[in-house]
C-alpha atoms as a PDB file:
ATOM      1  CA  MET A   1     -62.529 -30.945 -78.882  1.00  0.00           C
ATOM      2  CA  ASP A   2     -59.261 -29.158 -78.914  1.00  0.00           C
ATOM      3  CA  ASN A   3     -61.411 -26.435 -80.797  1.00  0.00           C
ATOM      4  CA  THR A   4     -63.327 -24.368 -78.328  1.00  0.00           C
ATOM      5  CA  SER A   5     -60.056 -21.976 -77.962  1.00  0.00           C
ATOM      6  CA  HIS A   6     -60.135 -21.465 -81.284  1.00  0.00           C
ATOM      7  CA  LEU A   7     -64.071 -20.072 -80.866  1.00  0.00           C
ATOM      8  CA  ALA A   8     -63.086 -17.848 -78.433  1.00  0.00           C
ATOM      9  CA  GLU A   9     -60.394 -16.215 -80.652  1.00  0.00           C
ATOM     10  CA  ARG A  10     -62.630 -15.506 -83.775  1.00  0.00           C
ATOM     11  CA  THR A  11     -63.080 -11.425 -84.541  1.00  0.00           C
ATOM     12  CA  SER A  12     -66.449 -11.774 -86.519  1.00  0.00           C
ATOM     13  CA  LYS A  13     -69.835 -13.035 -86.342  1.00  0.00           C
ATOM     14  CA  GLU A  14     -69.100 -14.738 -89.764  1.00  0.00           C
ATOM     15  CA  GLU A  15     -65.774 -15.908 -88.995  1.00  0.00           C
ATOM     16  CA  PHE A  16     -67.159 -17.424 -85.557  1.00  0.00           C
ATOM     17  CA  GLN A  17     -70.070 -19.153 -87.453  1.00  0.00           C
ATOM     18  CA  THR A  18     -67.816 -20.695 -89.814  1.00  0.00           C
ATOM     19  CA  ARG A  19     -65.889 -21.900 -86.809  1.00  0.00           C
ATOM     20  CA  TRP A  20     -68.805 -23.047 -85.218  1.00  0.00           C
ATOM     21  CA  ARG A  21     -69.746 -24.994 -87.862  1.00  0.00           C
ATOM     22  CA  LEU A  22     -66.264 -26.715 -88.284  1.00  0.00           C
ATOM     23  CA  THR A  23     -65.961 -27.709 -84.712  1.00  0.00           C
ATOM     24  CA  LYS A  24     -69.685 -29.115 -84.391  1.00  0.00           C
ATOM     25  CA  GLU A  25     -69.085 -31.379 -87.696  1.00  0.00           C
ATOM     26  CA  SER A  26     -65.590 -32.700 -85.967  1.00  0.00           C
ATOM     27  CA  TRP A  27     -67.644 -33.598 -82.597  1.00  0.00           C
ATOM     28  CA  GLN A  28     -70.851 -34.893 -84.118  1.00  0.00           C
ATOM     29  CA  GLU A  29     -68.133 -37.049 -86.223  1.00  0.00           C
ATOM     30  CA  MET A  30     -67.104 -38.713 -82.323  1.00  0.00           C
ATOM     31  CA  GLU A  31     -68.400 -41.761 -80.717  1.00  0.00           C
ATOM     32  CA  ASP A  32     -67.872 -40.741 -77.353  1.00  0.00           C
ATOM     33  CA  GLU A  33     -71.483 -40.247 -75.549  1.00  0.00           C
ATOM     34  CA  THR A  34     -69.737 -37.754 -73.576  1.00  0.00           C
ATOM     35  CA  VAL A  35     -68.719 -35.242 -76.408  1.00  0.00           C
ATOM     36  CA  LYS A  36     -72.170 -35.550 -77.826  1.00  0.00           C
ATOM     37  CA  ASN A  37     -73.931 -34.592 -74.844  1.00  0.00           C
ATOM     38  CA  PHE A  38     -71.512 -31.882 -74.053  1.00  0.00           C
ATOM     39  CA  LEU A  39     -72.211 -30.728 -77.417  1.00  0.00           C
ATOM     40  CA  THR A  40     -75.461 -30.092 -76.702  1.00  0.00           C
ATOM     41  CA  TYR A  41     -74.429 -28.526 -73.433  1.00  0.00           C
ATOM     42  CA  PHE A  42     -72.818 -26.121 -75.215  1.00  0.00           C
ATOM     43  CA  GLU A  43     -74.849 -25.275 -78.103  1.00  0.00           C
ATOM     44  CA  ASN A  44     -77.857 -24.520 -75.856  1.00  0.00           C
ATOM     45  CA  GLN A  45     -75.720 -22.363 -73.622  1.00  0.00           C
ATOM     46  CA  TYR A  46     -73.082 -21.019 -76.278  1.00  0.00           C
ATOM     47  CA  ILE A  47     -74.469 -20.543 -79.330  1.00  0.00           C
ATOM     48  CA  ASN A  48     -78.523 -20.454 -78.679  1.00  0.00           C
ATOM     49  CA  LYS A  49     -78.550 -19.125 -76.005  1.00  0.00           C
ATOM     50  CA  ASN A  50     -75.405 -16.659 -74.845  1.00  0.00           C
ATOM     51  CA  GLN A  51     -74.313 -16.062 -78.967  1.00  0.00           C
ATOM     52  CA  ASN A  52     -71.890 -12.687 -77.525  1.00  0.00           C
ATOM     53  CA  TRP A  53     -69.465 -14.331 -75.258  1.00  0.00           C
ATOM     54  CA  TYR A  54     -66.697 -14.854 -77.214  1.00  0.00           C
ATOM     55  CA  LEU A  55     -63.303 -11.905 -78.042  1.00  0.00           C
ATOM     56  CA  ARG A  56     -63.686  -9.370 -79.735  1.00  0.00           C
ATOM     57  CA  ILE A  57     -67.320  -9.541 -79.639  1.00  0.00           C
ATOM     58  CA  CYS A  58     -67.229  -5.291 -78.519  1.00  0.00           C
ATOM     59  CA  PRO A  59     -66.116  -2.750 -80.720  1.00  0.00           C
ATOM     60  CA  ILE A  60     -62.607  -1.438 -80.431  1.00  0.00           C
ATOM     61  CA  GLY A  61     -61.629   0.634 -77.701  1.00  0.00           C
ATOM     62  CA  ILE A  62     -64.663  -1.180 -75.311  1.00  0.00           C
ATOM     63  CA  GLY A  63     -63.159  -3.363 -72.986  1.00  0.00           C
ATOM     64  CA  ASN A  64     -64.714  -6.705 -72.959  1.00  0.00           C
ATOM     65  CA  THR A  65     -64.320  -7.355 -68.952  1.00  0.00           C
ATOM     66  CA  ASN A  66     -65.350  -5.928 -65.977  1.00  0.00           C
ATOM     67  CA  ASN A  67     -61.903  -4.861 -64.243  1.00  0.00           C
ATOM     68  CA  ALA A  68     -62.795  -1.561 -64.395  1.00  0.00           C
ATOM     69  CA  LEU A  69     -65.613  -1.961 -62.206  1.00  0.00           C
ATOM     70  CA  GLU A  70     -63.755  -4.402 -60.046  1.00  0.00           C
ATOM     71  CA  GLY A  71     -61.428  -1.488 -59.842  1.00  0.00           C
ATOM     72  CA  PHE A  72     -63.450   1.010 -58.454  1.00  0.00           C
ATOM     73  CA  ASN A  73     -64.865  -1.205 -56.215  1.00  0.00           C
ATOM     74  CA  CYS A  74     -61.558  -1.770 -54.927  1.00  0.00           C
ATOM     75  CA  ALA A  75     -60.699   1.847 -54.577  1.00  0.00           C
ATOM     76  CA  PHE A  76     -64.689   2.250 -52.565  1.00  0.00           C
ATOM     77  CA  LYS A  77     -64.095  -0.321 -50.340  1.00  0.00           C
ATOM     78  CA  ARG A  78     -60.644   1.064 -49.687  1.00  0.00           C
ATOM     79  CA  HIS A  79     -61.310   5.015 -49.510  1.00  0.00           C
ATOM     80  CA  TYR A  80     -65.046   4.961 -47.810  1.00  0.00           C
ATOM     81  CA  THR A  81     -65.225   1.432 -45.996  1.00  0.00           C
ATOM     82  CA  SER A  82     -61.922   0.441 -45.292  1.00  0.00           C
ATOM     83  CA  TYR A  83     -63.230  -2.508 -46.083  1.00  0.00           C
ATOM     84  CA  GLU A  84     -66.277  -3.120 -43.596  1.00  0.00           C
ATOM     85  CA  ARG A  85     -69.917  -4.009 -44.322  1.00  0.00           C
ATOM     86  CA  GLN A  86     -71.615  -0.968 -44.018  1.00  0.00           C
ATOM     87  CA  ASP A  87     -75.394  -0.491 -43.579  1.00  0.00           C
ATOM     88  CA  ILE A  88     -77.455   1.452 -46.400  1.00  0.00           C
ATOM     89  CA  VAL A  89     -77.510   4.670 -44.410  1.00  0.00           C
ATOM     90  CA  ARG A  90     -73.781   4.717 -44.609  1.00  0.00           C
ATOM     91  CA  PHE A  91     -73.472   3.546 -47.836  1.00  0.00           C
ATOM     92  CA  GLY A  92     -75.655   6.312 -49.294  1.00  0.00           C
ATOM     93  CA  GLN A  93     -73.454   8.910 -47.535  1.00  0.00           C
ATOM     94  CA  CYS A  94     -70.610   7.106 -49.357  1.00  0.00           C
ATOM     95  CA  ILE A  95     -72.291   7.399 -52.859  1.00  0.00           C
ATOM     96  CA  LEU A  96     -72.967  11.272 -51.503  1.00  0.00           C
ATOM     97  CA  LEU A  97     -69.377  11.669 -51.154  1.00  0.00           C
ATOM     98  CA  ILE A  98     -68.636  10.464 -54.503  1.00  0.00           C
ATOM     99  CA  PHE A  99     -70.783  12.566 -56.824  1.00  0.00           C
END
């Protein structure tokens, strides 16, 4: 089951589908029931339900992490709330200061 990292690194949908087919075939050949259960789970969650999870699915120049959002959140808390919980009125006032 060492193929999952290779799945995440695919650069195109076609390449991902090819890699998934090969990975699925290799997992289906295993006798271990735990592997077969994981295959069912993985296919339901990451192939059928959440298809765009693998790396490089985003166009070039578009981030595939939430680092920018986390950075904004950190700066907002540092400059406007001093890391203290605020009521909704104070939150609204902070938002108005930004925009």
